[in-house]
Protein backbone atom coordinates (compact mmCIF):
# COMPACT_ATOMS: atom_id res chain seq x y z
CA MET A 1 -84.76 17.48 -75.75
CA SER A 2 -81.63 16.14 -74.19
CA CYS A 3 -81.26 12.31 -74.11
CA THR A 4 -79.82 12.50 -70.86
CA ARG A 5 -83.20 13.84 -69.19
CA GLN A 6 -85.57 11.10 -70.34
CA THR A 7 -85.79 7.51 -71.61
CA GLU A 8 -85.02 7.34 -75.13
CA THR A 9 -86.22 4.53 -77.29
CA ILE A 10 -84.00 3.35 -80.09
CA TYR A 11 -85.69 1.58 -82.82
CA VAL A 12 -83.13 -1.01 -84.47
CA ASN A 13 -83.79 -2.08 -87.95
CA ILE A 14 -82.51 -5.90 -88.53
CA ALA A 15 -84.69 -6.28 -91.68
CA ALA A 16 -81.80 -7.68 -93.74
CA THR A 17 -80.96 -10.26 -91.12
CA LEU A 18 -84.55 -11.25 -90.66
CA ARG A 19 -85.01 -11.55 -94.56
CA PHE A 20 -81.85 -13.49 -95.28
CA GLY A 21 -82.33 -15.81 -92.49
CA GLY A 22 -79.10 -14.99 -90.51
CA ILE A 23 -76.51 -17.13 -92.31
CA THR A 24 -73.95 -14.56 -93.14
CA GLY A 25 -70.97 -13.35 -90.90
CA ILE A 26 -72.55 -9.98 -90.41
CA GLN A 27 -75.89 -11.47 -89.63
CA ARG A 28 -74.20 -13.60 -86.97
CA VAL A 29 -73.04 -10.43 -85.42
CA VAL A 30 -76.63 -8.94 -85.68
CA ARG A 31 -77.90 -12.02 -83.66
CA LYS A 32 -75.27 -11.77 -81.01
CA LEU A 33 -76.02 -8.11 -80.36
CA PHE A 34 -79.65 -8.71 -80.48
CA ASP A 35 -79.28 -11.27 -77.57
CA GLU A 36 -77.11 -8.99 -75.52
CA LEU A 37 -78.62 -5.38 -76.09
CA HIS A 38 -81.99 -6.48 -74.50
CA GLN A 39 -79.99 -6.87 -71.26
CA THR A 40 -77.55 -3.76 -71.73
CA THR A 41 -78.13 -0.82 -69.67
CA VAL A 42 -76.33 2.53 -70.84
CA GLY A 43 -77.62 5.77 -69.73
CA ASN A 44 -81.21 6.00 -70.47
CA LEU A 45 -81.47 3.94 -73.70
CA THR A 46 -84.04 1.30 -74.53
CA PHE A 47 -83.65 -1.00 -77.54
CA VAL A 48 -86.59 -2.22 -79.68
CA PHE A 49 -85.69 -4.53 -82.51
CA GLY A 50 -87.81 -4.98 -85.51
CA ALA A 51 -87.98 -4.62 -89.37
CA ASN A 52 -88.51 -1.47 -91.28
CA THR A 53 -90.38 -2.61 -94.34
CA PRO A 54 -92.54 -0.80 -97.21
CA LYS A 55 -95.59 -1.89 -95.20
CA GLY A 56 -94.28 -0.25 -92.00
CA CYS A 57 -92.29 -1.30 -89.11
CA TYR A 58 -92.55 -4.47 -87.28
CA THR A 59 -91.25 -5.90 -84.15
CA ALA A 60 -89.09 -8.87 -84.13
CA ALA A 61 -88.87 -11.72 -81.46
CA ALA A 62 -85.63 -13.88 -80.90
CA GLU A 63 -87.39 -17.00 -82.68
CA ASP A 64 -87.30 -14.78 -85.96
CA LEU A 65 -83.56 -14.91 -85.87
CA ILE A 66 -83.02 -18.57 -86.02
CA PRO A 67 -80.59 -19.04 -89.05
CA ILE A 68 -82.04 -20.99 -91.90
CA SER A 69 -80.21 -23.68 -93.58
CA ALA A 70 -77.90 -22.63 -96.57
CA GLY A 71 -79.84 -23.53 -99.70
CA SER A 72 -83.13 -24.47 -97.97
CA GLU A 73 -85.22 -23.57 -100.80
CA SER A 74 -88.47 -24.44 -98.94
CA GLN A 75 -87.98 -21.71 -96.51
CA LEU A 76 -87.42 -18.97 -99.22
CA GLY A 77 -90.12 -16.76 -100.45
CA LYS A 78 -91.03 -15.64 -103.94
CA LEU A 79 -88.04 -13.65 -105.21
CA THR A 80 -90.11 -10.69 -106.77
CA LEU A 81 -88.04 -7.82 -105.13
CA PHE A 82 -85.91 -7.36 -108.26
CA GLN A 83 -89.00 -6.55 -110.45
CA ARG A 84 -89.75 -3.59 -108.03
CA LEU A 85 -86.26 -1.91 -107.96
CA PRO A 86 -86.48 1.84 -108.22
CA PHE A 87 -83.38 2.15 -110.30
CA PRO A 88 -82.21 0.66 -113.57
CA ILE A 89 -81.30 -3.20 -113.53
CA LYS A 90 -77.81 -3.45 -114.77
CA SER A 91 -76.46 -6.64 -116.38
CA GLY A 92 -76.42 -9.48 -114.05
CA LEU A 93 -78.46 -7.54 -111.34
CA ARG A 94 -81.64 -9.54 -111.84
CA THR A 95 -79.60 -13.00 -111.35
CA PHE A 96 -77.84 -11.40 -108.11
CA TYR A 97 -81.27 -10.70 -106.68
CA ARG A 98 -82.70 -14.13 -107.53
CA ARG A 99 -79.69 -15.71 -105.76
CA TYR A 100 -79.40 -13.55 -102.51
CA ILE A 101 -82.72 -12.05 -101.82
CA ALA A 102 -84.16 -14.86 -99.33
CA ARG A 103 -87.62 -14.22 -97.93
CA ASP A 104 -90.55 -11.99 -98.54
CA ALA A 105 -91.81 -12.62 -95.11
CA TYR A 106 -89.97 -11.15 -92.39
CA GLY A 107 -90.89 -13.46 -89.69
CA THR A 108 -91.89 -10.54 -87.51
CA LYS A 109 -94.95 -10.26 -85.22
CA HIS A 110 -96.66 -6.78 -84.69
CA LEU A 111 -96.88 -3.82 -86.80
CA ILE A 112 -95.88 -0.65 -84.69
CA LYS A 113 -96.28 3.22 -85.05
CA ILE A 114 -93.01 5.04 -84.69
CA PRO A 115 -92.79 8.65 -84.29
CA LYS A 116 -91.11 10.37 -87.34
CA ASN A 117 -88.62 12.17 -85.16
CA ALA A 118 -87.78 8.89 -83.29
CA TRP A 119 -84.25 7.29 -83.42
CA GLU A 120 -83.50 4.48 -85.78
CA LEU A 121 -80.56 2.44 -85.60
CA GLU A 122 -79.40 0.44 -88.67
CA LEU A 123 -77.88 -2.67 -87.31
CA ASP A 124 -77.37 -4.17 -90.70
CA SER A 125 -77.72 -1.63 -93.51
CA PRO A 126 -80.48 -2.68 -95.81
CA TRP A 127 -78.61 -1.80 -99.12
CA ILE A 128 -79.47 -5.24 -100.48
CA ASP A 129 -83.22 -4.42 -100.03
CA ASP A 130 -85.81 -2.27 -101.37
CA TRP A 131 -84.94 0.68 -99.01
CA ARG A 132 -86.40 3.34 -101.10
CA GLN A 133 -89.91 2.08 -100.18
CA TYR A 134 -89.25 2.18 -96.62
CA PRO A 135 -90.68 4.75 -94.08
CA GLN A 136 -87.96 7.46 -93.58
CA PHE A 137 -86.66 8.40 -90.36
CA ARG A 138 -85.22 11.91 -89.53
CA ASN A 139 -82.80 10.75 -87.05
CA THR A 140 -80.76 7.56 -88.19
CA ILE A 141 -77.55 6.18 -86.86
CA ASN A 142 -75.70 3.77 -89.09
CA LEU A 143 -73.53 0.81 -88.04
CA LEU A 144 -71.14 0.48 -91.01
CA TYR A 145 -68.81 -2.82 -90.90
CA ASP A 146 -67.02 -1.60 -93.72
CA VAL A 147 -67.22 0.07 -97.07
CA THR A 148 -65.51 -2.70 -99.05
CA PRO A 149 -67.64 -2.34 -102.35
CA LEU A 150 -66.55 1.11 -102.37
CA SER A 151 -63.09 0.99 -101.02
CA HIS A 152 -62.03 -2.44 -102.20
CA GLY A 153 -64.42 -2.94 -105.21
CA GLU A 154 -62.07 -5.38 -106.90
CA TYR A 155 -62.90 -7.99 -104.26
CA CYS A 156 -66.70 -7.77 -104.68
CA GLN A 157 -69.40 -8.95 -106.95
CA PRO A 158 -70.12 -5.92 -109.38
CA GLU A 159 -73.80 -6.20 -108.72
CA ALA A 160 -73.26 -5.81 -105.07
CA SER A 161 -70.85 -2.89 -105.41
CA TYR A 162 -73.50 -1.13 -107.53
CA LEU A 163 -76.20 -1.58 -105.06
CA PHE A 164 -74.12 -0.66 -102.24
CA VAL A 165 -72.80 2.56 -103.53
CA LYS A 166 -76.46 3.45 -104.65
CA TRP A 167 -77.62 3.02 -100.89
CA LEU A 168 -74.60 4.70 -99.47
CA LYS A 169 -74.85 7.86 -101.60
CA HIS A 170 -78.56 8.22 -100.92
CA ASN A 171 -78.78 7.42 -97.36
CA LEU A 172 -75.52 8.42 -95.53
CA PRO A 173 -75.78 12.32 -96.26
CA LYS A 174 -78.98 12.04 -94.05
CA SER A 175 -77.38 10.00 -91.26
CA ARG A 176 -76.97 11.53 -87.73
CA GLY A 177 -74.10 9.24 -86.82
CA ILE A 178 -71.76 6.41 -87.90
CA ILE A 179 -70.63 3.47 -85.75
CA SER A 180 -67.89 0.91 -87.02
CA ILE A 181 -66.09 -2.15 -85.58
CA SER A 182 -62.72 -1.04 -85.38
CA GLN A 183 -60.72 2.38 -85.35
CA ALA A 184 -58.97 0.97 -88.68
CA SER A 185 -62.32 0.41 -90.28
CA LEU A 186 -63.70 3.69 -89.15
CA CYS A 187 -60.69 5.48 -90.50
CA CYS A 188 -61.23 3.73 -93.82
CA ILE A 189 -64.82 4.42 -94.10
CA LEU A 190 -64.19 8.16 -93.48
CA THR A 191 -61.33 8.38 -95.86
CA THR A 192 -63.26 6.56 -98.79
CA LEU A 193 -66.39 8.66 -98.27
CA GLN A 194 -64.18 11.80 -98.43
CA ARG A 195 -62.37 10.82 -101.20
CA ASN A 196 -65.69 9.99 -103.19
CA ASN A 197 -67.46 13.16 -102.06
CA ILE A 198 -70.11 11.59 -100.19
CA SER A 199 -71.35 13.55 -97.24
CA PHE A 200 -71.15 11.91 -93.66
CA PRO A 201 -71.96 12.98 -90.13
CA SER A 202 -69.56 14.54 -87.93
CA ASN A 203 -70.47 12.04 -84.83
CA CYS A 204 -68.46 8.80 -85.34
CA ARG A 205 -67.60 6.14 -82.81
CA PHE A 206 -66.08 2.53 -82.99
CA PHE A 207 -66.42 -0.52 -80.83
CA TYR A 208 -65.09 -3.97 -81.01
CA LEU A 209 -67.02 -7.31 -81.52
CA GLY A 210 -67.10 -10.13 -79.05
CA SER A 211 -66.87 -13.95 -78.75
CA ASN A 212 -68.61 -16.37 -76.36
CA LEU A 213 -66.94 -19.41 -77.59
CA THR A 214 -65.48 -21.29 -74.65
CA ASN A 215 -62.13 -23.17 -74.60
CA LYS A 216 -63.35 -26.49 -73.28
CA PRO A 217 -60.99 -29.40 -73.15
CA LEU A 218 -61.62 -32.13 -75.78
CA SER A 219 -62.34 -35.54 -74.98
CA LEU A 220 -60.09 -38.27 -76.40
CA THR A 221 -62.64 -39.15 -78.94
CA GLN A 222 -62.69 -35.52 -80.11
CA GLN A 223 -58.87 -35.27 -80.23
CA SER A 224 -57.33 -35.07 -83.79
CA ASN A 225 -53.99 -34.79 -85.36
CA PRO A 226 -52.72 -31.14 -86.04
CA TYR A 227 -54.13 -29.13 -88.83
CA PHE A 228 -54.08 -25.60 -90.01
CA LEU A 229 -57.70 -23.74 -89.74
CA PHE A 230 -59.07 -20.91 -91.95
CA VAL A 231 -62.53 -19.32 -90.87
CA GLY A 232 -64.23 -16.92 -93.07
CA SER A 233 -66.18 -16.62 -96.42
CA ILE A 234 -64.79 -17.83 -99.64
CA ALA A 235 -64.22 -14.36 -101.08
CA PRO A 236 -61.30 -12.64 -102.87
CA GLN A 237 -60.62 -10.22 -99.93
CA LYS A 238 -59.96 -13.19 -97.60
CA ASN A 239 -56.86 -14.01 -99.83
CA ILE A 240 -57.97 -17.40 -100.33
CA SER A 241 -55.75 -17.61 -103.42
CA LEU A 242 -52.57 -16.70 -101.55
CA LEU A 243 -53.55 -19.09 -98.79
CA LEU A 244 -53.90 -22.08 -101.36
CA GLU A 245 -50.56 -21.28 -102.97
CA ALA A 246 -48.76 -20.91 -99.64
CA TYR A 247 -50.16 -24.25 -98.43
CA THR A 248 -49.27 -26.06 -101.75
CA GLU A 249 -45.79 -24.60 -101.31
CA CYS A 250 -45.69 -25.84 -97.54
CA ARG A 251 -46.48 -29.30 -98.71
CA THR A 252 -44.02 -29.42 -101.42
CA ARG A 253 -41.38 -28.52 -98.63
CA GLY A 254 -42.31 -31.72 -96.74
CA GLY A 255 -45.18 -30.25 -94.56
CA ASP A 256 -48.10 -32.76 -93.81
CA TRP A 257 -50.78 -30.74 -91.79
CA PRO A 258 -54.09 -30.63 -93.44
CA LEU A 259 -55.87 -27.33 -93.93
CA VAL A 260 -59.58 -27.07 -92.97
CA VAL A 261 -61.43 -24.07 -94.59
CA LEU A 262 -64.67 -23.40 -92.66
CA GLY A 263 -66.79 -20.72 -94.52
CA ARG A 264 -69.64 -20.41 -96.70
CA SER A 265 -69.94 -19.72 -100.40
CA ALA A 266 -69.90 -16.09 -101.39
CA GLY A 267 -70.63 -16.80 -105.16
CA PHE A 268 -66.98 -16.78 -106.32
CA ASN A 269 -66.93 -20.19 -108.17
CA GLN A 270 -63.56 -20.06 -109.34
CA LEU A 271 -61.91 -20.05 -105.79
CA GLU A 272 -64.43 -22.72 -104.75
CA ARG A 273 -63.29 -24.85 -107.60
CA ARG A 274 -59.61 -24.22 -106.70
CA ILE A 275 -60.37 -25.47 -103.00
CA ILE A 276 -62.05 -28.61 -104.25
CA ALA A 277 -59.25 -29.40 -106.53
CA LEU A 278 -56.65 -29.44 -103.82
CA SER A 279 -58.85 -31.95 -101.83
CA ASP A 280 -56.18 -34.70 -102.49
CA LEU A 281 -53.49 -32.54 -100.98
CA GLY A 282 -55.15 -32.27 -97.64
CA ILE A 283 -57.59 -29.39 -97.82
CA VAL A 284 -61.09 -29.89 -96.32
CA TRP A 285 -64.05 -27.53 -97.10
CA LEU A 286 -66.58 -27.29 -94.43
CA ASN A 287 -69.18 -24.94 -96.29
CA ASN A 288 -72.34 -25.31 -93.88
CA ALA A 289 -70.97 -25.31 -90.48
CA LYS A 290 -73.08 -24.49 -87.47
CA ASP A 291 -72.05 -22.69 -84.24
CA ASN A 292 -71.21 -26.04 -82.62
CA ASP A 293 -69.13 -27.24 -85.36
CA LEU A 294 -67.30 -24.05 -85.28
CA GLN A 295 -66.56 -24.45 -81.53
CA GLN A 296 -65.39 -27.89 -82.02
CA THR A 297 -63.21 -27.14 -85.00
CA TYR A 298 -61.45 -24.28 -83.16
CA ALA A 299 -60.71 -26.40 -80.08
CA ALA A 300 -59.28 -29.11 -82.15
CA CYS A 301 -57.01 -27.10 -84.57
CA SER A 302 -53.36 -26.43 -84.03
CA VAL A 303 -52.94 -23.12 -85.84
CA VAL A 304 -55.47 -20.44 -87.12
CA ILE A 305 -54.50 -18.59 -90.30
CA ALA A 306 -55.98 -14.97 -91.23
CA PRO A 307 -54.67 -14.07 -94.52
CA SER A 308 -57.10 -11.38 -95.63
CA VAL A 309 -56.03 -8.46 -97.57
CA TRP A 310 -58.73 -6.19 -96.04
CA GLU A 311 -61.00 -6.47 -92.94
CA GLY A 312 -63.26 -4.40 -90.80
CA PHE A 313 -62.37 -6.33 -87.69
CA GLY A 314 -61.43 -10.00 -87.61
CA LEU A 315 -63.60 -12.01 -85.59
CA PRO A 316 -61.88 -15.45 -86.27
CA LEU A 317 -58.74 -13.83 -84.68
CA VAL A 318 -60.52 -12.92 -81.49
CA GLU A 319 -62.22 -16.56 -81.29
CA ALA A 320 -58.88 -18.09 -81.89
CA LEU A 321 -57.33 -16.08 -79.02
CA SER A 322 -60.19 -17.28 -76.79
CA PHE A 323 -59.10 -20.78 -77.61
CA GLN A 324 -55.33 -19.77 -76.84
CA LYS A 325 -54.57 -21.00 -80.44
CA THR A 326 -51.49 -20.05 -82.24
CA VAL A 327 -52.39 -17.29 -84.90
CA ILE A 328 -50.82 -16.66 -88.32
CA ALA A 329 -52.16 -13.25 -89.69
CA SER A 330 -51.50 -11.03 -92.51
CA ASP A 331 -49.86 -7.54 -91.61
CA ILE A 332 -53.02 -5.25 -92.10
CA GLU A 333 -53.81 -2.52 -90.00
CA VAL A 334 -56.80 -3.78 -88.01
CA TYR A 335 -54.93 -6.98 -86.83
CA LYS A 336 -52.30 -4.71 -85.59
CA GLU A 337 -55.00 -2.73 -83.76
CA LEU A 338 -56.64 -5.95 -82.12
CA ALA A 339 -53.63 -7.50 -80.66
CA ALA A 340 -50.20 -6.77 -82.34
CA GLY A 341 -48.32 -8.70 -79.89
CA ALA A 342 -50.36 -11.95 -80.07
CA PHE A 343 -50.05 -12.85 -83.71
CA ASN A 344 -47.24 -14.20 -86.02
CA PHE A 345 -47.58 -11.79 -88.99
CA PHE A 346 -46.63 -12.44 -92.62
CA ASP A 347 -46.29 -10.09 -95.59
CA VAL A 348 -49.92 -10.05 -96.92
CA THR A 349 -48.61 -9.94 -100.53
CA SER A 350 -46.19 -12.72 -100.23
CA VAL A 351 -46.72 -16.42 -100.84
CA ALA A 352 -43.19 -17.28 -99.58
CA SER A 353 -43.87 -15.53 -96.39
CA LEU A 354 -47.11 -17.39 -95.48
CA ALA A 355 -45.48 -20.56 -96.44
CA LYS A 356 -42.59 -20.00 -94.16
CA ARG A 357 -44.84 -19.26 -91.22
CA MET A 358 -46.89 -22.41 -91.86
CA GLN A 359 -43.60 -24.42 -91.89
CA GLU A 360 -42.45 -22.85 -88.71
CA ALA A 361 -45.87 -23.76 -87.31
CA GLU A 362 -45.32 -27.47 -88.03
CA GLN A 363 -41.97 -27.25 -86.50
CA GLY A 364 -43.35 -25.61 -83.24
CA GLY A 365 -41.40 -22.39 -83.78
CA LEU A 366 -44.14 -19.84 -83.55
CA TYR A 367 -45.45 -17.77 -80.58
CA ARG A 368 -48.77 -18.70 -78.91
CA SER A 369 -50.54 -16.00 -76.76
CA ASP A 370 -52.49 -16.83 -73.74
CA GLY A 371 -55.03 -14.36 -74.55
CA SER A 372 -54.28 -11.97 -71.68
CA ASN A 373 -54.09 -8.16 -72.07
CA ILE A 374 -55.57 -7.83 -75.40
CA PRO A 375 -57.87 -4.91 -75.96
CA GLY A 376 -59.73 -6.69 -78.73
CA LEU A 377 -60.70 -9.74 -76.85
CA LEU A 378 -64.12 -9.27 -75.55
CA ASN A 379 -67.05 -11.37 -74.92
CA TRP A 380 -70.41 -10.28 -76.46
CA GLN A 381 -71.79 -8.84 -73.33
CA GLN A 382 -68.79 -6.59 -73.12
CA SER A 383 -69.26 -5.67 -76.95
CA ALA A 384 -72.87 -4.84 -76.69
CA PHE A 385 -72.00 -2.48 -73.67
CA LEU A 386 -69.32 -0.62 -75.69
CA PHE A 387 -71.78 -0.59 -78.83
CA ALA A 388 -74.75 0.87 -76.65
CA ASP A 389 -72.26 3.33 -75.03
CA ALA A 390 -71.27 4.53 -78.71
CA VAL A 391 -74.96 5.00 -79.50
CA PHE A 392 -75.47 6.99 -76.17
CA GLN A 393 -72.51 9.24 -76.87
CA ILE A 394 -73.68 10.12 -80.26
CA LEU A 395 -77.05 11.01 -79.09
CA LYS A 396 -75.73 13.13 -76.14
CA GLU A 397 -73.46 15.07 -78.52
CA ILE A 398 -76.38 15.69 -80.85
CA THR A 399 -79.01 16.59 -78.31
CA GLN A 400 -76.48 18.77 -76.18
CA ILE A 401 -75.65 20.74 -79.43
CA GLU A 402 -79.50 21.16 -80.39
CA ASP A 403 -80.39 22.19 -76.81
CA ASP A 404 -77.76 25.08 -77.18
CA LEU A 405 -79.21 26.26 -80.40
């Protein structure tokens, strides 16, 4: 039956975010979409959020998505999942699960019955979870932020890559549609899947993420001396090593601005040790910042630096533009797609290129956008609408084809 002729309920699986406590960047996106999709109307779609678990499907409430504090052991459940894995445990995988699997309890409220032919939307793909024991849906749409463990495996923990690829090969051939967070990311996903002989659905869409951070004037007590700001996890794909080298070179050439690194640990201890070792040079690492800290740090900084080698989107850049900050960005495709005319680009492979941009910033010689006429600059309400519309268009195409058969 066509989705244009009756109300279509979409069951949105957010099990991974519920289980982990919503502390990662992707889970932050899930929380924002959760907030907005309840109030978003596109066509005849109704979104019901919950967790698809081995025991069945549960509904989720807003209070279930309150982030837990990083390292808050009292809120973590027994880490028994790794003992039930339906595939062989490779070297290091047991430790990986002990570290990253958070709660046995999902914090969910009500067990619900879902028809087998219902539509399921994987908002945070559960590759890290015990997905083979989940109830299987005939109609699943996957939101894929990227396929970095497959396309850029050198930037990931080996155990994470192994689990992700296992999930991808098992589930994606059954998917009815793929949605990603930029055109560049979607193109990379489809190219990577094709190169690795992984089947994927023909119905694919993309949308852009949003930002609700507001550019409020700082009080005199909140104002600070100028500084550079990096926002993101401490991971190799963020090009942290090149950023640290460029900052060191900038300081040796007379630069004196501090560098604030705002991001959580991603398990790459060597990178973290390098950041800590350079603290005497003016690097400050904020590794457990909350949303309010993020707001104030953006507002007070002078320049935001995004040096990534690869990204599916680039949320810190959108947030920086909402504060009308000067942005130094690597010359990767997705950044050019979001706002090519708003950033000061540098060669992603060159320490000297980034160091030069940082020197120019301290001398006041870089362009600063006012954030106008930028296609990638949306709030979360607009982002949720585009996302819901992508879901609607996929369902419309599929059901029209099936009606014609």
